PDB file of all heavy atoms in Angstrom:
ATOM      1  N   ILE A   1      -1.376 -12.374 -27.213  1.00  0.00           N
ATOM      2  CA  ILE A   1      -1.564 -12.200 -25.771  1.00  0.00           C
ATOM      3  C   ILE A   1      -1.799 -10.725 -25.433  1.00  0.00           C
ATOM      4  O   ILE A   1      -2.559 -10.404 -24.511  1.00  0.00           O
ATOM      5  CB  ILE A   1      -0.371 -12.796 -24.988  1.00  0.00           C
ATOM      6  CG1 ILE A   1      -0.791 -13.173 -23.574  1.00  0.00           C
ATOM      7  CG2 ILE A   1       0.803 -11.884 -24.944  1.00  0.00           C
ATOM      8  CD1 ILE A   1      -1.427 -14.500 -23.470  1.00  0.00           C
ATOM      9  N   LYS A   2      -1.201  -9.821 -26.198  1.00  0.00           N
ATOM     10  CA  LYS A   2      -1.439  -8.390 -25.968  1.00  0.00           C
ATOM     11  C   LYS A   2      -2.864  -8.014 -26.373  1.00  0.00           C
ATOM     12  O   LYS A   2      -3.516  -7.208 -25.707  1.00  0.00           O
ATOM     13  CB  LYS A   2      -0.446  -7.524 -26.744  1.00  0.00           C
ATOM     14  CG  LYS A   2       1.010  -7.770 -26.387  1.00  0.00           C
ATOM     15  CD  LYS A   2       1.320  -7.596 -24.922  1.00  0.00           C
ATOM     16  CE  LYS A   2       2.790  -7.735 -24.655  1.00  0.00           C
ATOM     17  NZ  LYS A   2       3.141  -8.794 -23.743  1.00  0.00           N
ATOM     18  N   MET A   3      -3.373  -8.568 -27.458  1.00  0.00           N
ATOM     19  CA  MET A   3      -4.754  -8.301 -27.861  1.00  0.00           C
ATOM     20  C   MET A   3      -5.727  -8.866 -26.838  1.00  0.00           C
ATOM     21  O   MET A   3      -6.769  -8.275 -26.573  1.00  0.00           O
ATOM     22  CB  MET A   3      -5.056  -8.884 -29.239  1.00  0.00           C
ATOM     23  CG  MET A   3      -4.559  -8.050 -30.380  1.00  0.00           C
ATOM     24  SD  MET A   3      -5.262  -6.386 -30.381  1.00  0.00           S
ATOM     25  CE  MET A   3      -3.885  -5.414 -29.853  1.00  0.00           C
ATOM     26  N   ALA A   4      -5.384  -9.994 -26.232  1.00  0.00           N
ATOM     27  CA  ALA A   4      -6.223 -10.536 -25.166  1.00  0.00           C
ATOM     28  C   ALA A   4      -6.258  -9.554 -23.995  1.00  0.00           C
ATOM     29  O   ALA A   4      -7.311  -9.319 -23.396  1.00  0.00           O
ATOM     30  CB  ALA A   4      -5.705 -11.900 -24.710  1.00  0.00           C
ATOM     31  N   GLY A   5      -5.123  -8.954 -23.674  1.00  0.00           N
ATOM     32  CA  GLY A   5      -5.069  -7.957 -22.605  1.00  0.00           C
ATOM     33  C   GLY A   5      -5.885  -6.716 -22.927  1.00  0.00           C
ATOM     34  O   GLY A   5      -6.592  -6.181 -22.069  1.00  0.00           O
ATOM     35  N   VAL A   6      -5.816  -6.256 -24.170  1.00  0.00           N
ATOM     36  CA  VAL A   6      -6.617  -5.102 -24.587  1.00  0.00           C
ATOM     37  C   VAL A   6      -8.101  -5.450 -24.529  1.00  0.00           C
ATOM     38  O   VAL A   6      -8.928  -4.640 -24.077  1.00  0.00           O
ATOM     39  CB  VAL A   6      -6.209  -4.636 -26.008  1.00  0.00           C
ATOM     40  CG1 VAL A   6      -7.184  -3.607 -26.558  1.00  0.00           C
ATOM     41  CG2 VAL A   6      -4.792  -4.084 -25.999  1.00  0.00           C
ATOM     42  N   PHE A   7      -8.447  -6.655 -24.959  1.00  0.00           N
ATOM     43  CA  PHE A   7      -9.845  -7.102 -24.894  1.00  0.00           C
ATOM     44  C   PHE A   7     -10.333  -7.107 -23.442  1.00  0.00           C
ATOM     45  O   PHE A   7     -11.432  -6.637 -23.153  1.00  0.00           O
ATOM     46  CB  PHE A   7      -9.970  -8.497 -25.513  1.00  0.00           C
ATOM     47  CG  PHE A   7     -11.371  -9.032 -25.512  1.00  0.00           C
ATOM     48  CD1 PHE A   7     -12.254  -8.687 -26.514  1.00  0.00           C
ATOM     49  CD2 PHE A   7     -11.807  -9.886 -24.507  1.00  0.00           C
ATOM     50  CE1 PHE A   7     -13.553  -9.179 -26.516  1.00  0.00           C
ATOM     51  CE2 PHE A   7     -13.091 -10.373 -24.493  1.00  0.00           C
ATOM     52  CZ  PHE A   7     -13.971 -10.016 -25.515  1.00  0.00           C
ATOM     53  N   MET A   8      -9.515  -7.619 -22.548  1.00  0.00           N
ATOM     54  CA  MET A   8      -9.893  -7.662 -21.136  1.00  0.00           C
ATOM     55  C   MET A   8     -10.051  -6.254 -20.564  1.00  0.00           C
ATOM     56  O   MET A   8     -10.994  -5.986 -19.813  1.00  0.00           O
ATOM     57  CB  MET A   8      -8.848  -8.438 -20.331  1.00  0.00           C
ATOM     58  CG  MET A   8      -8.845  -9.915 -20.613  1.00  0.00           C
ATOM     59  SD  MET A   8      -7.464 -10.769 -19.849  1.00  0.00           S
ATOM     60  CE  MET A   8      -7.969 -10.735 -18.150  1.00  0.00           C
ATOM     61  N   THR A   9      -9.142  -5.354 -20.910  1.00  0.00           N
ATOM     62  CA  THR A   9      -9.213  -3.988 -20.407  1.00  0.00           C
ATOM     63  C   THR A   9     -10.471  -3.281 -20.907  1.00  0.00           C
ATOM     64  O   THR A   9     -11.194  -2.656 -20.121  1.00  0.00           O
ATOM     65  CB  THR A   9      -7.965  -3.184 -20.831  1.00  0.00           C
ATOM     66  OG1 THR A   9      -6.798  -3.836 -20.326  1.00  0.00           O
ATOM     67  CG2 THR A   9      -8.016  -1.755 -20.332  1.00  0.00           C
ATOM     68  N   SER A  10     -10.739  -3.384 -22.193  1.00  0.00           N
ATOM     69  CA  SER A  10     -11.914  -2.691 -22.734  1.00  0.00           C
ATOM     70  C   SER A  10     -13.206  -3.318 -22.223  1.00  0.00           C
ATOM     71  O   SER A  10     -14.167  -2.602 -21.914  1.00  0.00           O
ATOM     72  CB  SER A  10     -11.882  -2.688 -24.265  1.00  0.00           C
ATOM     73  OG  SER A  10     -11.860  -3.995 -24.783  1.00  0.00           O
ATOM     74  N   THR A  11     -13.254  -4.629 -22.083  1.00  0.00           N
ATOM     75  CA  THR A  11     -14.444  -5.284 -21.548  1.00  0.00           C
ATOM     76  C   THR A  11     -14.651  -4.897 -20.089  1.00  0.00           C
ATOM     77  O   THR A  11     -15.787  -4.636 -19.668  1.00  0.00           O
ATOM     78  CB  THR A  11     -14.327  -6.813 -21.681  1.00  0.00           C
ATOM     79  OG1 THR A  11     -14.089  -7.146 -23.052  1.00  0.00           O
ATOM     80  CG2 THR A  11     -15.593  -7.509 -21.217  1.00  0.00           C
ATOM     81  N   SER A  12     -13.587  -4.837 -19.326  1.00  0.00           N
ATOM     82  CA  SER A  12     -13.688  -4.431 -17.917  1.00  0.00           C
ATOM     83  C   SER A  12     -14.154  -2.985 -17.799  1.00  0.00           C
ATOM     84  O   SER A  12     -14.940  -2.653 -16.906  1.00  0.00           O
ATOM     85  CB  SER A  12     -12.349  -4.610 -17.214  1.00  0.00           C
ATOM     86  OG  SER A  12     -12.021  -5.973 -17.165  1.00  0.00           O
ATOM     87  N   THR A  13     -13.693  -2.131 -18.697  1.00  0.00           N
ATOM     88  CA  THR A  13     -14.119  -0.734 -18.681  1.00  0.00           C
ATOM     89  C   THR A  13     -15.606  -0.624 -18.993  1.00  0.00           C
ATOM     90  O   THR A  13     -16.347   0.096 -18.311  1.00  0.00           O
ATOM     91  CB  THR A  13     -13.293   0.098 -19.687  1.00  0.00           C
ATOM     92  OG1 THR A  13     -11.910  -0.017 -19.333  1.00  0.00           O
ATOM     93  CG2 THR A  13     -13.712   1.553 -19.679  1.00  0.00           C
ATOM     94  N   VAL A  14     -16.045  -1.348 -20.014  1.00  0.00           N
ATOM     95  CA  VAL A  14     -17.467  -1.340 -20.361  1.00  0.00           C
ATOM     96  C   VAL A  14     -18.288  -1.923 -19.209  1.00  0.00           C
ATOM     97  O   VAL A  14     -19.364  -1.409 -18.879  1.00  0.00           O
ATOM     98  CB  VAL A  14     -17.705  -2.114 -21.674  1.00  0.00           C
ATOM     99  CG1 VAL A  14     -19.178  -2.329 -21.936  1.00  0.00           C
ATOM    100  CG2 VAL A  14     -17.069  -1.385 -22.846  1.00  0.00           C
ATOM    101  N   ALA A  15     -17.781  -2.957 -18.569  1.00  0.00           N
ATOM    102  CA  ALA A  15     -18.486  -3.552 -17.423  1.00  0.00           C
ATOM    103  C   ALA A  15     -18.582  -2.552 -16.270  1.00  0.00           C
ATOM    104  O   ALA A  15     -19.619  -2.473 -15.599  1.00  0.00           O
ATOM    105  CB  ALA A  15     -17.786  -4.825 -16.969  1.00  0.00           C
ATOM    106  N   SER A  16     -17.537  -1.783 -16.047  1.00  0.00           N
ATOM    107  CA  SER A  16     -17.564  -0.776 -14.975  1.00  0.00           C
ATOM    108  C   SER A  16     -18.583   0.318 -15.261  1.00  0.00           C
ATOM    109  O   SER A  16     -19.320   0.733 -14.380  1.00  0.00           O
ATOM    110  CB  SER A  16     -16.196  -0.124 -14.818  1.00  0.00           C
ATOM    111  OG  SER A  16     -15.250  -1.040 -14.382  1.00  0.00           O
ATOM    112  N   TYR A  17     -18.604   0.796 -16.503  1.00  0.00           N
ATOM    113  CA  TYR A  17     -19.507   1.895 -16.872  1.00  0.00           C
ATOM    114  C   TYR A  17     -20.971   1.473 -16.905  1.00  0.00           C
ATOM    115  O   TYR A  17     -21.835   2.242 -16.522  1.00  0.00           O
ATOM    116  CB  TYR A  17     -19.126   2.480 -18.226  1.00  0.00           C
ATOM    117  CG  TYR A  17     -17.862   3.312 -18.207  1.00  0.00           C
ATOM    118  CD1 TYR A  17     -17.196   3.607 -19.378  1.00  0.00           C
ATOM    119  CD2 TYR A  17     -17.332   3.811 -17.027  1.00  0.00           C
ATOM    120  CE1 TYR A  17     -16.038   4.369 -19.384  1.00  0.00           C
ATOM    121  CE2 TYR A  17     -16.183   4.566 -17.021  1.00  0.00           C
ATOM    122  CZ  TYR A  17     -15.533   4.846 -18.201  1.00  0.00           C
ATOM    123  OH  TYR A  17     -14.391   5.603 -18.195  1.00  0.00           O
ATOM    124  N   THR A  18     -21.231   0.277 -17.413  1.00  0.00           N
ATOM    125  CA  THR A  18     -22.622  -0.133 -17.636  1.00  0.00           C
ATOM    126  C   THR A  18     -23.185  -0.990 -16.517  1.00  0.00           C
ATOM    127  O   THR A  18     -24.392  -1.088 -16.376  1.00  0.00           O
ATOM    128  CB  THR A  18     -22.749  -0.919 -18.947  1.00  0.00           C
ATOM    129  OG1 THR A  18     -21.980  -2.122 -18.852  1.00  0.00           O
ATOM    130  CG2 THR A  18     -22.296  -0.081 -20.131  1.00  0.00           C
ATOM    131  N   GLY A  19     -22.312  -1.647 -15.758  1.00  0.00           N
ATOM    132  CA  GLY A  19     -22.772  -2.514 -14.679  1.00  0.00           C
ATOM    133  C   GLY A  19     -23.304  -3.855 -15.157  1.00  0.00           C
ATOM    134  O   GLY A  19     -24.023  -4.528 -14.427  1.00  0.00           O
ATOM    135  N   PHE A  20     -22.949  -4.287 -16.378  1.00  0.00           N
ATOM    136  CA  PHE A  20     -23.427  -5.586 -16.855  1.00  0.00           C
ATOM    137  C   PHE A  20     -22.744  -6.747 -16.145  1.00  0.00           C
ATOM    138  O   PHE A  20     -23.173  -7.890 -16.247  1.00  0.00           O
ATOM    139  CB  PHE A  20     -23.311  -5.707 -18.383  1.00  0.00           C
ATOM    140  CG  PHE A  20     -21.964  -6.139 -18.883  1.00  0.00           C
ATOM    141  CD1 PHE A  20     -21.627  -7.480 -18.960  1.00  0.00           C
ATOM    142  CD2 PHE A  20     -21.038  -5.208 -19.299  1.00  0.00           C
ATOM    143  CE1 PHE A  20     -20.383  -7.885 -19.443  1.00  0.00           C
ATOM    144  CE2 PHE A  20     -19.803  -5.597 -19.775  1.00  0.00           C
ATOM    145  CZ  PHE A  20     -19.477  -6.937 -19.841  1.00  0.00           C
ATOM    146  N   ALA A  21     -21.689  -6.440 -15.421  1.00  0.00           N
ATOM    147  CA  ALA A  21     -20.995  -7.434 -14.597  1.00  0.00           C
ATOM    148  C   ALA A  21     -20.608  -6.727 -13.295  1.00  0.00           C
ATOM    149  O   ALA A  21     -20.488  -5.503 -13.260  1.00  0.00           O
ATOM    150  CB  ALA A  21     -19.759  -7.961 -15.318  1.00  0.00           C
ATOM    151  N   PRO A  22     -20.402  -7.485 -12.220  1.00  0.00           N
ATOM    152  CA  PRO A  22     -20.049  -6.843 -10.947  1.00  0.00           C
ATOM    153  C   PRO A  22     -18.681  -6.162 -11.008  1.00  0.00           C
ATOM    154  O   PRO A  22     -17.825  -6.523 -11.803  1.00  0.00           O
ATOM    155  CB  PRO A  22     -20.050  -8.005  -9.951  1.00  0.00           C
ATOM    156  CG  PRO A  22     -20.006  -9.241 -10.748  1.00  0.00           C
ATOM    157  CD  PRO A  22     -20.511  -8.940 -12.108  1.00  0.00           C
ATOM    158  N   ARG A  23     -18.508  -5.178 -10.149  1.00  0.00           N
ATOM    159  CA  ARG A  23     -17.256  -4.412 -10.119  1.00  0.00           C
ATOM    160  C   ARG A  23     -16.041  -5.295  -9.837  1.00  0.00           C
ATOM    161  O   ARG A  23     -14.966  -5.043 -10.365  1.00  0.00           O
ATOM    162  CB  ARG A  23     -17.342  -3.303  -9.075  1.00  0.00           C
ATOM    163  CG  ARG A  23     -18.260  -2.191  -9.473  1.00  0.00           C
ATOM    164  CD  ARG A  23     -17.603  -0.848  -9.154  1.00  0.00           C
ATOM    165  NE  ARG A  23     -18.499   0.254  -9.413  1.00  0.00           N
ATOM    166  CZ  ARG A  23     -18.569   0.854 -10.592  1.00  0.00           C
ATOM    167  NH1 ARG A  23     -17.855   0.448 -11.581  1.00  0.00           N
ATOM    168  NH2 ARG A  23     -19.388   1.872 -10.762  1.00  0.00           N
ATOM    169  N   TRP A  24     -16.195  -6.312  -8.976  1.00  0.00           N
ATOM    170  CA  TRP A  24     -15.053  -7.171  -8.659  1.00  0.00           C
ATOM    171  C   TRP A  24     -14.577  -7.904  -9.905  1.00  0.00           C
ATOM    172  O   TRP A  24     -13.382  -8.137 -10.068  1.00  0.00           O
ATOM    173  CB  TRP A  24     -15.381  -8.150  -7.530  1.00  0.00           C
ATOM    174  CG  TRP A  24     -16.383  -9.206  -7.882  1.00  0.00           C
ATOM    175  CD1 TRP A  24     -17.735  -9.168  -7.664  1.00  0.00           C
ATOM    176  CD2 TRP A  24     -16.117 -10.467  -8.503  1.00  0.00           C
ATOM    177  NE1 TRP A  24     -18.323 -10.319  -8.124  1.00  0.00           N
ATOM    178  CE2 TRP A  24     -17.350 -11.141  -8.641  1.00  0.00           C
ATOM    179  CE3 TRP A  24     -14.958 -11.098  -8.969  1.00  0.00           C
ATOM    180  CZ2 TRP A  24     -17.467 -12.401  -9.220  1.00  0.00           C
ATOM    181  CZ3 TRP A  24     -15.075 -12.350  -9.548  1.00  0.00           C
ATOM    182  CH2 TRP A  24     -16.312 -12.994  -9.672  1.00  0.00           C
ATOM    183  N   LEU A  25     -15.486  -8.244 -10.804  1.00  0.00           N
ATOM    184  CA  LEU A  25     -15.112  -8.937 -12.031  1.00  0.00           C
ATOM    185  C   LEU A  25     -14.386  -7.987 -12.990  1.00  0.00           C
ATOM    186  O   LEU A  25     -13.421  -8.381 -13.649  1.00  0.00           O
ATOM    187  CB  LEU A  25     -16.363  -9.517 -12.687  1.00  0.00           C
ATOM    188  CG  LEU A  25     -16.191 -10.674 -13.644  1.00  0.00           C
ATOM    189  CD1 LEU A  25     -15.326 -11.781 -13.071  1.00  0.00           C
ATOM    190  CD2 LEU A  25     -17.551 -11.232 -14.024  1.00  0.00           C
ATOM    191  N   ALA A  26     -14.831  -6.734 -13.025  1.00  0.00           N
ATOM    192  CA  ALA A  26     -14.139  -5.728 -13.834  1.00  0.00           C
ATOM    193  C   ALA A  26     -12.739  -5.463 -13.265  1.00  0.00           C
ATOM    194  O   ALA A  26     -11.764  -5.399 -14.018  1.00  0.00           O
ATOM    195  CB  ALA A  26     -14.956  -4.444 -13.884  1.00  0.00           C
ATOM    196  N   PHE A  27     -12.645  -5.338 -11.954  1.00  0.00           N
ATOM    197  CA  PHE A  27     -11.346  -5.112 -11.317  1.00  0.00           C
ATOM    198  C   PHE A  27     -10.403  -6.287 -11.583  1.00  0.00           C
ATOM    199  O   PHE A  27      -9.227  -6.090 -11.894  1.00  0.00           O
ATOM    200  CB  PHE A  27     -11.522  -4.903  -9.806  1.00  0.00           C
ATOM    201  CG  PHE A  27     -10.231  -4.654  -9.091  1.00  0.00           C
ATOM    202  CD1 PHE A  27      -9.575  -3.435  -9.217  1.00  0.00           C
ATOM    203  CD2 PHE A  27      -9.656  -5.633  -8.308  1.00  0.00           C
ATOM    204  CE1 PHE A  27      -8.370  -3.209  -8.574  1.00  0.00           C
ATOM    205  CE2 PHE A  27      -8.447  -5.426  -7.661  1.00  0.00           C
ATOM    206  CZ  PHE A  27      -7.809  -4.203  -7.792  1.00  0.00           C
ATOM    207  N   LEU A  28     -10.933  -7.510 -11.472  1.00  0.00           N
ATOM    208  CA  LEU A  28     -10.129  -8.697 -11.778  1.00  0.00           C
ATOM    209  C   LEU A  28      -9.635  -8.644 -13.220  1.00  0.00           C
ATOM    210  O   LEU A  28      -8.476  -8.984 -13.503  1.00  0.00           O
ATOM    211  CB  LEU A  28     -10.956  -9.963 -11.536  1.00  0.00           C
ATOM    212  CG  LEU A  28     -10.266 -11.292 -11.834  1.00  0.00           C
ATOM    213  CD1 LEU A  28      -9.110 -11.515 -10.870  1.00  0.00           C
ATOM    214  CD2 LEU A  28     -11.266 -12.430 -11.751  1.00  0.00           C
ATOM    215  N   GLY A  29     -10.498  -8.212 -14.124  1.00  0.00           N
ATOM    216  CA  GLY A  29     -10.096  -8.078 -15.528  1.00  0.00           C
ATOM    217  C   GLY A  29      -8.961  -7.096 -15.713  1.00  0.00           C
ATOM    218  O   GLY A  29      -8.022  -7.341 -16.481  1.00  0.00           O
ATOM    219  N   TYR A  30      -9.012  -5.969 -14.997  1.00  0.00           N
ATOM    220  CA  TYR A  30      -7.919  -4.989 -15.078  1.00  0.00           C
ATOM    221  C   TYR A  30      -6.603  -5.570 -14.580  1.00  0.00           C
ATOM    222  O   TYR A  30      -5.556  -5.430 -15.214  1.00  0.00           O
ATOM    223  CB  TYR A  30      -8.238  -3.732 -14.259  1.00  0.00           C
ATOM    224  CG  TYR A  30      -9.272  -2.818 -14.866  1.00  0.00           C
ATOM    225  CD1 TYR A  30     -10.329  -2.360 -14.104  1.00  0.00           C
ATOM    226  CD2 TYR A  30      -9.178  -2.389 -16.181  1.00  0.00           C
ATOM    227  CE1 TYR A  30     -11.276  -1.493 -14.634  1.00  0.00           C
ATOM    228  CE2 TYR A  30     -10.116  -1.536 -16.725  1.00  0.00           C
ATOM    229  CZ  TYR A  30     -11.162  -1.094 -15.952  1.00  0.00           C
ATOM    230  OH  TYR A  30     -12.084  -0.247 -16.485  1.00  0.00           O
ATOM    231  N   VAL A  31      -6.649  -6.241 -13.445  1.00  0.00           N
ATOM    232  CA  VAL A  31      -5.427  -6.813 -12.858  1.00  0.00           C
ATOM    233  C   VAL A  31      -4.833  -7.883 -13.787  1.00  0.00           C
ATOM    234  O   VAL A  31      -3.634  -7.881 -14.067  1.00  0.00           O
ATOM    235  CB  VAL A  31      -5.712  -7.394 -11.454  1.00  0.00           C
ATOM    236  CG1 VAL A  31      -4.529  -8.190 -10.938  1.00  0.00           C
ATOM    237  CG2 VAL A  31      -6.081  -6.282 -10.483  1.00  0.00           C
ATOM    238  N   LEU A  32      -5.694  -8.770 -14.269  1.00  0.00           N
ATOM    239  CA  LEU A  32      -5.201  -9.847 -15.134  1.00  0.00           C
ATOM    240  C   LEU A  32      -4.721  -9.316 -16.482  1.00  0.00           C
ATOM    241  O   LEU A  32      -3.765  -9.843 -17.052  1.00  0.00           O
ATOM    242  CB  LEU A  32      -6.291 -10.904 -15.323  1.00  0.00           C
ATOM    243  CG  LEU A  32      -6.695 -11.657 -14.055  1.00  0.00           C
ATOM    244  CD1 LEU A  32      -7.816 -12.639 -14.348  1.00  0.00           C
ATOM    245  CD2 LEU A  32      -5.500 -12.363 -13.427  1.00  0.00           C
ATOM    246  N   SER A  33      -5.368  -8.251 -16.974  1.00  0.00           N
ATOM    247  CA  SER A  33      -4.900  -7.687 -18.249  1.00  0.00           C
ATOM    248  C   SER A  33      -3.516  -7.056 -18.094  1.00  0.00           C
ATOM    249  O   SER A  33      -2.711  -7.106 -19.030  1.00  0.00           O
ATOM    250  CB  SER A  33      -5.902  -6.670 -18.799  1.00  0.00           C
ATOM    251  OG  SER A  33      -5.935  -5.510 -18.011  1.00  0.00           O
ATOM    252  N   LEU A  34      -3.227  -6.493 -16.932  1.00  0.00           N
ATOM    253  CA  LEU A  34      -1.878  -5.962 -16.700  1.00  0.00           C
ATOM    254  C   LEU A  34      -0.839  -7.081 -16.714  1.00  0.00           C
ATOM    255  O   LEU A  34       0.276  -6.896 -17.212  1.00  0.00           O
ATOM    256  CB  LEU A  34      -1.827  -5.207 -15.372  1.00  0.00           C
ATOM    257  CG  LEU A  34      -2.549  -3.868 -15.350  1.00  0.00           C
ATOM    258  CD1 LEU A  34      -2.549  -3.287 -13.934  1.00  0.00           C
ATOM    259  CD2 LEU A  34      -1.922  -2.897 -16.333  1.00  0.00           C
ATOM    260  N   ILE A  35      -1.227  -8.234 -16.178  1.00  0.00           N
ATOM    261  CA  ILE A  35      -0.320  -9.389 -16.230  1.00  0.00           C
ATOM    262  C   ILE A  35      -0.049  -9.766 -17.678  1.00  0.00           C
ATOM    263  O   ILE A  35       1.089 -10.029 -18.065  1.00  0.00           O
ATOM    264  CB  ILE A  35      -0.905 -10.582 -15.443  1.00  0.00           C
ATOM    265  CG1 ILE A  35      -0.892 -10.277 -13.953  1.00  0.00           C
ATOM    266  CG2 ILE A  35      -0.152 -11.869 -15.748  1.00  0.00           C
ATOM    267  CD1 ILE A  35      -1.621 -11.299 -13.099  1.00  0.00           C
ATOM    268  N   LEU A  36      -1.100  -9.764 -18.511  1.00  0.00           N
ATOM    269  CA  LEU A  36      -0.914 -10.122 -19.918  1.00  0.00           C
ATOM    270  C   LEU A  36      -0.120  -9.064 -20.678  1.00  0.00           C
ATOM    271  O   LEU A  36       0.739  -9.393 -21.490  1.00  0.00           O
ATOM    272  CB  LEU A  36      -2.266 -10.330 -20.599  1.00  0.00           C
ATOM    273  CG  LEU A  36      -3.072 -11.534 -20.161  1.00  0.00           C
ATOM    274  CD1 LEU A  36      -4.354 -11.635 -20.971  1.00  0.00           C
ATOM    275  CD2 LEU A  36      -2.271 -12.808 -20.293  1.00  0.00           C
TER     276      LEU A  36
END
């Protein structure tokens, strides 16, 4: 579950930097990864 959280955090960061996904989806990833 911790690796899932790290995966979500790094994917959200890459999404924020590159814009391959909307910002709200990256933000959601950050929030949910903190829960994990």
